[in-house]
């Protein structure tokens, strides 16, 4: 079923978005299908995460302009902080509400994140996508990410091993 492309507003995440973020993330985690995350987050944990988010990080939410409901979020964090050798590399994660997928929402997030990442000095973005999540891989590839390799049996979700596809995009 084709869904209508959704017009969204993208803005920086705020502390008051924590409940909406958890409301998107926890059902995705509960499916055991789309992410390597396997433990739901509490509101308090998400608030602490937002408070401690790195200064060079980027955390965007996509909101419905009609009611300001958060539909998706995307975060980018420094790849590593233990050396400056990776200062140009960021790790990105994208999560779209299960009921709002395949409507073009992530494209708006990527556009905003790419722009912000360039301004913050990032040159390359990197992430892992579950090998059994072809829709996510297709969404990232549509945004210019290329496959670097496969980490075999990299995650163990609900007792089953899952390969993860390593992808990257140069800005």
Protein backbone atom coordinates (compact mmCIF):
# COMPACT_ATOMS: atom_id res chain seq x y z
CA UNK A 1 0.00 0.00 0.00
CA UNK A 2 1.46 3.36 -0.99
CA UNK A 3 1.14 6.06 1.59
CA UNK A 4 0.98 9.75 0.92
CA UNK A 5 4.24 11.63 1.36
CA UNK A 6 4.10 13.45 4.68
CA UNK A 7 5.18 17.05 5.07
CA UNK A 8 6.96 17.44 8.37
CA UNK A 9 8.83 20.08 10.27
CA UNK A 10 12.28 19.15 11.51
CA UNK A 11 13.67 20.80 14.61
CA UNK A 12 16.17 20.11 17.36
CA UNK A 13 14.98 17.71 20.01
CA UNK A 14 14.02 19.22 23.36
CA UNK A 15 13.88 17.73 26.82
CA UNK A 16 10.08 17.83 26.65
CA UNK A 17 10.25 15.50 23.61
CA UNK A 18 11.54 12.65 25.77
CA UNK A 19 8.12 11.03 26.25
CA UNK A 20 7.38 11.12 22.52
CA UNK A 21 10.82 9.71 21.71
CA UNK A 22 10.31 6.83 24.15
CA UNK A 23 6.82 6.36 22.69
CA UNK A 24 8.37 5.85 19.26
CA UNK A 25 11.45 3.90 20.31
CA UNK A 26 10.00 1.38 22.77
CA UNK A 27 7.44 -0.16 20.38
CA UNK A 28 10.22 -0.55 17.79
CA UNK A 29 12.41 -2.26 20.38
CA UNK A 30 9.50 -4.46 21.49
CA UNK A 31 9.09 -5.90 17.98
CA UNK A 32 12.61 -7.33 18.09
CA UNK A 33 12.76 -6.74 14.34
CA UNK A 34 14.20 -3.36 13.39
CA UNK A 35 16.99 -2.45 15.79
CA UNK A 36 19.74 -4.06 17.80
CA UNK A 37 18.45 -2.23 20.85
CA UNK A 38 16.78 -4.81 23.05
CA UNK A 39 15.85 -3.01 26.25
CA UNK A 40 13.05 -0.43 26.42
CA UNK A 41 13.92 3.02 27.74
CA UNK A 42 12.27 4.75 30.66
CA UNK A 43 11.24 8.38 30.45
CA UNK A 44 13.89 9.22 33.04
CA UNK A 45 16.62 7.45 31.06
CA UNK A 46 15.69 9.32 27.88
CA UNK A 47 15.63 12.63 29.73
CA UNK A 48 19.09 11.90 31.13
CA UNK A 49 20.29 10.98 27.62
CA UNK A 50 19.00 14.27 26.22
CA UNK A 51 20.53 16.27 29.07
CA UNK A 52 23.92 14.62 28.53
CA UNK A 53 23.84 14.65 24.74
CA UNK A 54 27.26 15.59 23.32
CA UNK A 55 27.79 19.22 22.29
CA UNK A 56 28.91 18.07 18.83
CA UNK A 57 25.90 15.81 18.58
CA UNK A 58 22.82 16.45 16.51
CA UNK A 59 19.38 15.30 17.61
CA UNK A 60 16.42 16.14 15.41
CA UNK A 61 12.74 15.31 15.63
CA UNK A 62 10.25 15.37 12.76
CA UNK A 63 6.89 16.74 13.83
CA UNK A 64 3.50 16.85 12.17
CA UNK A 65 2.89 20.54 11.40
CA UNK A 66 -0.83 20.15 12.11
CA UNK A 67 -0.53 19.04 15.73
CA UNK A 68 3.21 19.14 16.51
CA UNK A 69 3.19 15.40 17.27
CA UNK A 70 6.65 13.84 17.03
CA UNK A 71 6.64 11.24 14.24
CA UNK A 72 10.32 10.34 14.06
CA UNK A 73 13.77 11.24 15.33
CA UNK A 74 17.36 11.03 14.20
CA UNK A 75 20.50 11.40 16.24
CA UNK A 76 24.11 11.80 15.27
CA UNK A 77 26.92 11.44 17.77
CA UNK A 78 30.70 11.51 17.49
CA UNK A 79 31.99 8.09 16.44
CA UNK A 80 34.59 8.06 19.20
CA UNK A 81 35.73 10.50 21.84
CA UNK A 82 38.88 8.70 22.99
CA UNK A 83 40.93 10.04 20.05
CA UNK A 84 40.75 12.97 17.66
CA UNK A 85 41.46 10.63 14.73
CA UNK A 86 37.70 10.11 14.31
CA UNK A 87 36.51 13.69 14.90
CA UNK A 88 35.26 13.85 11.32
CA UNK A 89 33.06 10.74 11.71
CA UNK A 90 29.57 10.64 13.20
CA UNK A 91 27.31 7.71 14.01
CA UNK A 92 23.69 8.15 12.98
CA UNK A 93 20.49 6.45 14.07
CA UNK A 94 17.02 6.95 12.62
CA UNK A 95 13.70 5.89 14.14
CA UNK A 96 10.27 6.47 12.59
CA UNK A 97 7.02 5.73 14.42
CA UNK A 98 5.74 2.32 13.30
CA UNK A 99 2.47 3.84 12.04
CA UNK A 100 4.26 6.60 10.09
CA UNK A 101 6.75 4.61 8.01
CA UNK A 102 7.18 4.78 4.24
CA UNK A 103 5.88 8.33 3.99
CA UNK A 104 9.15 10.17 3.31
CA UNK A 105 9.62 11.40 6.86
CA UNK A 106 13.18 10.15 7.20
CA UNK A 107 14.21 12.08 4.06
CA UNK A 108 13.43 15.36 5.83
CA UNK A 109 15.43 14.24 8.85
CA UNK A 110 18.42 13.26 6.71
CA UNK A 111 18.42 16.61 4.92
CA UNK A 112 18.47 18.55 8.19
CA UNK A 113 21.04 16.25 9.78
CA UNK A 114 23.39 16.35 6.79
CA UNK A 115 23.32 20.17 6.84
CA UNK A 116 23.92 20.36 10.58
CA UNK A 117 26.66 17.71 10.40
CA UNK A 118 28.58 19.70 7.80
CA UNK A 119 28.33 22.83 9.96
CA UNK A 120 29.73 20.88 12.93
CA UNK A 121 32.70 19.60 10.95
CA UNK A 122 31.60 16.06 10.18
CA UNK A 123 32.80 14.63 6.87
CA UNK A 124 31.51 11.08 7.13
CA UNK A 125 28.53 9.32 8.68
CA UNK A 126 28.59 5.67 9.71
CA UNK A 127 26.08 3.23 11.13
CA UNK A 128 24.93 -0.36 11.32
CA UNK A 129 21.62 -1.61 9.91
CA UNK A 130 20.23 -5.03 10.70
CA UNK A 131 20.68 -7.30 7.69
CA UNK A 132 17.08 -8.49 8.11
CA UNK A 133 15.73 -4.92 7.83
CA UNK A 134 15.75 -4.27 4.08
CA UNK A 135 13.44 -1.25 4.36
CA UNK A 136 15.90 0.58 6.63
CA UNK A 137 18.82 -0.34 4.42
CA UNK A 138 16.92 0.95 1.38
CA UNK A 139 16.11 4.22 3.18
CA UNK A 140 19.77 4.80 4.03
CA UNK A 141 20.96 3.83 0.55
CA UNK A 142 18.44 6.25 -0.96
CA UNK A 143 20.24 8.94 1.05
CA UNK A 144 23.62 8.05 -0.44
CA UNK A 145 24.93 5.54 2.09
CA UNK A 146 26.99 2.69 0.70
CA UNK A 147 27.60 -0.75 2.13
CA UNK A 148 31.04 -1.22 3.66
CA UNK A 149 30.64 -4.79 4.86
CA UNK A 150 28.74 -7.22 7.03
CA UNK A 151 29.36 -7.97 10.67
CA UNK A 152 28.25 -11.59 10.95
CA UNK A 153 26.29 -12.68 14.03
CA UNK A 154 26.93 -9.21 15.39
CA UNK A 155 23.80 -8.91 17.51
CA UNK A 156 21.86 -11.48 19.48
CA UNK A 157 18.21 -10.53 19.74
CA UNK A 158 15.77 -12.70 21.66
CA UNK A 159 18.23 -15.60 21.42
CA UNK A 160 18.82 -15.35 17.65
CA UNK A 161 21.94 -14.02 15.96
CA UNK A 162 21.52 -11.13 13.54
CA UNK A 163 24.03 -9.88 10.99
CA UNK A 164 24.52 -6.14 10.76
CA UNK A 165 25.34 -4.26 7.59
CA UNK A 166 27.94 -1.53 8.04
CA UNK A 167 27.18 1.54 5.93
CA UNK A 168 28.75 4.94 5.43
CA UNK A 169 28.17 8.20 3.63
CA UNK A 170 30.64 10.94 2.92
CA UNK A 171 29.29 14.44 3.23
